[in-house]
Amino acid sequence: MRMKAQVTMYLIIGIILLGIVVVATSFKKANIEQPLQINDDQLIVQQYLESCLHTVATKAVYTVSFQGGYYDPFPNGRISYFNAEIPYYWDSESLVPSIQEIEGEIGLYIFDAFEACVNDFEVLKAQGLTVEKLPIEEPDLALTTLNEEDISVELPYPIKISRGENTYSLDRISTSVSLPLLRAYSLAAQIIEEQKKDAQHLPIGYISALAYQNGFTFELIKYDDNTYIVSLILDIPNDNDLIFAFANRYDWVNNELE
């Protein structure tokens, strides 16, 4: 009888320990698997602002690409072509901007255009939300990074969101634009490196070979007797082509284009 009582006691203790382990494991698993909760109003505002940021950033990339990496100003000169300004990449020397300069130009475009897209939060106000932009110490320029096949954008944008007595906040928003601007820039830089080998001849053969090897097309437009616009055209599936344009100026007297 005593042995039976001991067995029963051990069984009860075992069941209790097993229950503790199961509860602890379930609690740990719940903590791991549960996603971070975000308030519905906060999510609505974040999605709206990031949609605006994506729209503006996409326009920025297309504009800056067509203008050879610039928005404004153009430190090394430019030529006007239709509604765009095309920078010189060659004028007896290389004038190619750095990747960091191009990232900054995209940030400037976003800075100028973002508030117009937000439109004083009118869309959000119509849903009963109060949104207040908070002061920021640093300039609210977008931090942009050119990656291999896209551009990541992060914008400091502290705001307070209110509905009734409930108040929430956001500090920054982000997005990415799936366009190969870095690739287009790299191709242009390679052309200018080839140009250095012969300062007074447009390297048409090299550009043709580069286009064939890298799967893009190009256009050469004679702007005046000494200047050609070079447009690199990258096919973007289900979207507009990405055009990266720049100008080369030569000191031609009686030289013929080879």
Protein backbone atom coordinates (compact mmCIF):
# COMPACT_ATOMS: atom_id res chain seq x y z
CA MET A 1 0.00 0.00 0.00
CA ARG A 2 2.86 2.32 0.87
CA MET A 3 4.56 1.57 -2.45
CA LYS A 4 1.30 2.27 -4.31
CA ALA A 5 0.92 5.62 -2.54
CA GLN A 6 4.48 6.61 -3.48
CA VAL A 7 3.87 5.69 -7.13
CA THR A 8 0.68 7.72 -7.13
CA MET A 9 2.47 10.72 -5.62
CA TYR A 10 5.29 10.52 -8.20
CA LEU A 11 2.68 10.32 -10.98
CA ILE A 12 0.90 13.44 -9.70
CA ILE A 13 4.18 15.36 -9.43
CA GLY A 14 5.13 14.27 -12.95
CA ILE A 15 1.82 15.46 -14.37
CA ILE A 16 2.25 18.85 -12.63
CA LEU A 17 5.80 19.27 -13.97
CA LEU A 18 4.68 18.28 -17.46
CA GLY A 19 1.91 20.88 -17.27
CA ILE A 20 4.37 23.58 -16.24
CA VAL A 21 6.69 22.69 -19.14
CA VAL A 22 3.81 22.75 -21.66
CA VAL A 23 2.55 26.12 -20.41
CA ALA A 24 6.04 27.64 -20.41
CA THR A 25 6.75 26.31 -23.90
CA SER A 26 3.43 27.60 -25.22
CA PHE A 27 4.03 31.01 -23.68
CA LYS A 28 7.52 31.22 -25.19
CA LYS A 29 6.22 30.09 -28.58
CA ALA A 30 3.42 32.67 -28.46
CA ASN A 31 5.94 35.42 -27.70
CA ILE A 32 8.07 34.36 -30.65
CA GLU A 33 5.30 33.88 -33.19
CA GLN A 34 3.06 36.83 -32.35
CA PRO A 35 3.79 39.76 -34.68
CA LEU A 36 4.32 43.24 -33.30
CA GLN A 37 0.90 44.78 -32.88
CA ILE A 38 0.25 48.19 -34.40
CA ASN A 39 -2.84 50.30 -33.95
CA ASP A 40 -5.24 50.45 -36.92
CA ASP A 41 -5.10 54.24 -37.14
CA GLN A 42 -1.33 54.16 -36.97
CA LEU A 43 -1.27 51.61 -39.78
CA ILE A 44 -3.63 53.66 -41.94
CA VAL A 45 -1.41 56.74 -41.61
CA GLN A 46 1.80 54.81 -42.19
CA GLN A 47 0.45 53.11 -45.32
CA TYR A 48 -0.83 56.41 -46.70
CA LEU A 49 2.45 58.23 -46.13
CA GLU A 50 4.56 55.38 -47.49
CA SER A 51 2.34 55.21 -50.57
CA CYS A 52 3.03 58.92 -51.11
CA LEU A 53 6.73 58.39 -50.52
CA HIS A 54 6.85 55.55 -53.03
CA THR A 55 5.03 57.60 -55.68
CA VAL A 56 7.31 60.62 -55.22
CA ALA A 57 10.47 58.52 -54.98
CA THR A 58 9.62 56.70 -58.22
CA LYS A 59 9.16 60.00 -60.05
CA ALA A 60 12.41 61.23 -58.50
CA VAL A 61 14.35 58.24 -59.82
CA TYR A 62 12.96 58.56 -63.36
CA THR A 63 13.64 62.31 -63.41
CA VAL A 64 17.13 62.12 -61.94
CA SER A 65 18.02 59.24 -64.25
CA PHE A 66 16.90 61.10 -67.39
CA GLN A 67 18.93 64.08 -66.23
CA GLY A 68 22.12 62.06 -65.76
CA GLY A 69 21.92 61.83 -61.98
CA TYR A 70 20.90 65.41 -61.26
CA TYR A 71 17.79 67.21 -60.07
CA ASP A 72 19.14 70.71 -59.44
CA PRO A 73 21.60 72.38 -59.66
CA PHE A 74 24.00 71.19 -62.36
CA PRO A 75 27.52 72.10 -61.18
CA ASN A 76 29.34 71.19 -64.42
CA GLY A 77 27.00 72.69 -66.99
CA ARG A 78 24.01 71.34 -68.87
CA ILE A 79 22.02 71.58 -72.06
CA SER A 80 18.26 71.86 -72.40
CA TYR A 81 16.55 69.07 -74.27
CA PHE A 82 12.76 69.18 -74.50
CA ASN A 83 11.56 69.48 -70.87
CA ALA A 84 14.75 68.10 -69.33
CA GLU A 85 18.21 69.33 -68.49
CA ILE A 86 21.05 67.04 -69.58
CA PRO A 87 24.41 67.34 -67.78
CA TYR A 88 27.82 67.16 -69.40
CA TYR A 89 29.68 63.98 -68.53
CA TRP A 90 32.59 64.79 -70.84
CA ASP A 91 34.09 68.14 -71.75
CA SER A 92 37.81 67.48 -72.29
CA GLU A 93 37.65 65.68 -68.92
CA SER A 94 35.34 63.43 -66.95
CA LEU A 95 32.46 65.23 -65.21
CA VAL A 96 30.70 62.12 -63.89
CA PRO A 97 29.01 62.70 -60.49
CA SER A 98 29.55 60.33 -57.59
CA ILE A 99 26.96 57.82 -56.40
CA GLN A 100 26.59 59.87 -53.22
CA GLU A 101 25.79 62.98 -55.25
CA ILE A 102 23.06 61.13 -57.14
CA GLU A 103 21.58 59.80 -53.90
CA GLY A 104 21.51 63.36 -52.60
CA GLU A 105 19.76 64.62 -55.75
CA ILE A 106 16.99 62.05 -55.30
CA GLY A 107 16.64 63.20 -51.69
CA LEU A 108 16.29 66.82 -52.84
CA TYR A 109 13.54 65.91 -55.30
CA ILE A 110 11.63 64.05 -52.58
CA PHE A 111 12.06 66.98 -50.20
CA ASP A 112 10.50 69.34 -52.76
CA ALA A 113 7.63 67.08 -53.84
CA PHE A 114 6.58 65.04 -50.80
CA GLU A 115 4.44 67.61 -49.01
CA ALA A 116 2.38 68.24 -52.14
CA CYS A 117 1.54 64.54 -52.25
CA VAL A 118 0.62 64.47 -48.54
CA ASN A 119 -1.65 67.51 -49.17
CA ASP A 120 -1.84 68.59 -45.52
CA PHE A 121 -3.22 65.13 -44.58
CA GLU A 122 -6.62 65.94 -46.12
CA VAL A 123 -7.30 62.28 -46.97
CA LEU A 124 -6.61 61.27 -43.37
CA LYS A 125 -8.62 64.12 -41.91
CA ALA A 126 -11.60 62.95 -43.96
CA GLN A 127 -11.40 59.65 -42.05
CA GLY A 128 -11.71 61.42 -38.71
CA LEU A 129 -8.01 61.49 -37.88
CA THR A 130 -5.99 64.42 -36.62
CA VAL A 131 -2.40 64.35 -37.85
CA GLU A 132 0.20 66.83 -36.69
CA LYS A 133 3.70 67.06 -38.10
CA LEU A 134 6.19 67.50 -35.28
CA PRO A 135 9.31 69.68 -35.41
CA ILE A 136 12.54 67.99 -36.40
CA GLU A 137 16.08 69.08 -35.64
CA GLU A 138 17.73 67.61 -38.73
CA PRO A 139 16.59 68.57 -42.26
CA ASP A 140 13.87 66.18 -43.40
CA LEU A 141 15.77 65.08 -46.50
CA ALA A 142 15.20 61.49 -47.56
CA LEU A 143 18.09 59.14 -46.99
CA THR A 144 18.45 57.28 -50.28
CA THR A 145 20.71 54.33 -51.10
CA LEU A 146 21.38 53.01 -54.59
CA ASN A 147 21.38 49.21 -54.46
CA GLU A 148 22.04 46.74 -57.26
CA GLU A 149 18.44 46.51 -58.51
CA ASP A 150 16.54 49.07 -56.44
CA ILE A 151 16.76 52.28 -54.43
CA SER A 152 15.90 52.28 -50.73
CA VAL A 153 14.46 55.46 -49.26
CA GLU A 154 14.00 56.44 -45.62
CA LEU A 155 12.42 59.73 -44.60
CA PRO A 156 12.49 61.15 -41.05
CA TYR A 157 8.90 62.30 -40.60
CA PRO A 158 7.79 62.56 -36.94
CA ILE A 159 4.03 62.98 -36.58
CA LYS A 160 1.34 62.69 -33.91
CA ILE A 161 -1.88 60.86 -34.79
CA SER A 162 -5.06 61.41 -32.78
CA ARG A 163 -8.61 60.09 -32.80
CA GLY A 164 -10.64 61.18 -29.82
CA GLU A 165 -8.59 60.56 -26.68
CA ASN A 166 -6.27 58.06 -28.35
CA THR A 167 -2.89 59.37 -29.52
CA TYR A 168 -0.12 57.59 -31.42
CA SER A 169 3.09 58.60 -33.13
CA LEU A 170 5.38 57.76 -36.05
CA ASP A 171 9.01 58.78 -36.39
CA ARG A 172 9.95 57.85 -39.95
CA ILE A 173 8.68 56.14 -43.08
CA SER A 174 10.44 54.11 -45.75
CA THR A 175 10.01 52.50 -49.15
CA SER A 176 12.00 51.03 -52.02
CA VAL A 177 11.84 51.66 -55.76
CA SER A 178 12.58 48.67 -57.98
CA LEU A 179 14.57 50.41 -60.70
CA PRO A 180 18.21 49.64 -61.65
CA LEU A 181 19.54 53.20 -61.45
CA LEU A 182 22.89 52.05 -60.09
CA ARG A 183 23.33 49.75 -63.08
CA ALA A 184 22.53 52.56 -65.53
CA TYR A 185 24.98 54.87 -63.77
CA SER A 186 27.70 52.21 -63.84
CA LEU A 187 27.25 51.73 -67.59
CA ALA A 188 27.54 55.48 -68.17
CA ALA A 189 30.69 55.62 -66.04
CA GLN A 190 32.22 52.80 -68.10
CA ILE A 191 31.57 54.76 -71.30
CA ILE A 192 33.33 57.82 -69.90
CA GLU A 193 36.29 55.66 -68.83
CA GLU A 194 36.55 54.50 -72.44
CA GLN A 195 36.19 58.11 -73.61
CA LYS A 196 39.37 59.02 -71.71
CA LYS A 197 41.39 56.92 -74.16
CA ASP A 198 40.54 59.27 -77.04
CA ALA A 199 39.25 62.64 -75.91
CA GLN A 200 37.96 63.82 -79.31
CA HIS A 201 36.10 60.76 -80.58
CA LEU A 202 32.72 59.51 -79.41
CA PRO A 203 33.27 55.77 -78.67
CA ILE A 204 30.35 54.46 -80.70
CA GLY A 205 31.86 51.00 -81.17
CA TYR A 206 32.45 50.60 -77.45
CA ILE A 207 28.90 51.74 -76.61
CA SER A 208 27.45 49.28 -79.13
CA ALA A 209 29.45 46.38 -77.68
CA LEU A 210 28.53 47.37 -74.13
CA ALA A 211 24.84 47.50 -75.06
CA TYR A 212 25.00 44.06 -76.68
CA GLN A 213 26.81 42.53 -73.70
CA ASN A 214 24.55 44.09 -71.07
CA GLY A 215 21.14 43.93 -72.73
CA PHE A 216 20.26 47.58 -73.12
CA THR A 217 19.67 49.88 -76.09
CA PHE A 218 20.92 53.39 -76.67
CA GLU A 219 20.40 56.55 -78.70
CA LEU A 220 22.91 59.11 -79.89
CA ILE A 221 21.46 62.55 -80.60
CA LYS A 222 23.50 65.29 -82.22
CA TYR A 223 22.77 68.41 -80.22
CA ASP A 224 25.11 70.77 -82.06
CA ASP A 225 28.33 70.53 -84.08
CA ASN A 226 30.37 69.62 -81.00
CA THR A 227 27.91 67.89 -78.68
CA TYR A 228 26.13 64.54 -78.55
CA ILE A 229 23.50 63.38 -76.10
CA VAL A 230 23.93 59.73 -75.10
CA SER A 231 20.80 57.98 -73.83
CA LEU A 232 21.05 54.53 -72.27
CA ILE A 233 17.68 52.76 -72.30
CA LEU A 234 17.05 49.94 -69.84
CA ASP A 235 13.93 47.83 -70.34
CA ILE A 236 11.75 47.61 -67.22
CA PRO A 237 9.13 44.81 -67.41
CA ASN A 238 5.58 46.09 -66.89
CA ASP A 239 6.78 49.68 -66.46
CA ASN A 240 8.33 52.59 -68.34
CA ASP A 241 11.86 52.19 -69.63
CA LEU A 242 14.54 53.72 -67.45
CA ILE A 243 16.50 56.27 -69.51
CA PHE A 244 19.86 57.54 -68.31
CA ALA A 245 21.06 60.50 -70.38
CA PHE A 246 24.21 62.60 -70.44
CA ALA A 247 26.05 64.82 -72.91
CA ASN A 248 29.58 64.69 -74.32
CA ARG A 249 31.11 67.86 -75.73
CA TYR A 250 34.11 67.79 -78.06
CA ASP A 251 36.43 70.27 -79.64
CA TRP A 252 35.78 69.29 -83.22
CA VAL A 253 37.06 71.45 -86.05
CA ASN A 254 37.35 69.28 -89.12
CA ASN A 255 37.11 65.93 -87.38
CA GLU A 256 34.45 63.54 -88.56
CA LEU A 257 32.46 61.30 -86.25
CA GLU A 258 33.93 57.82 -86.27
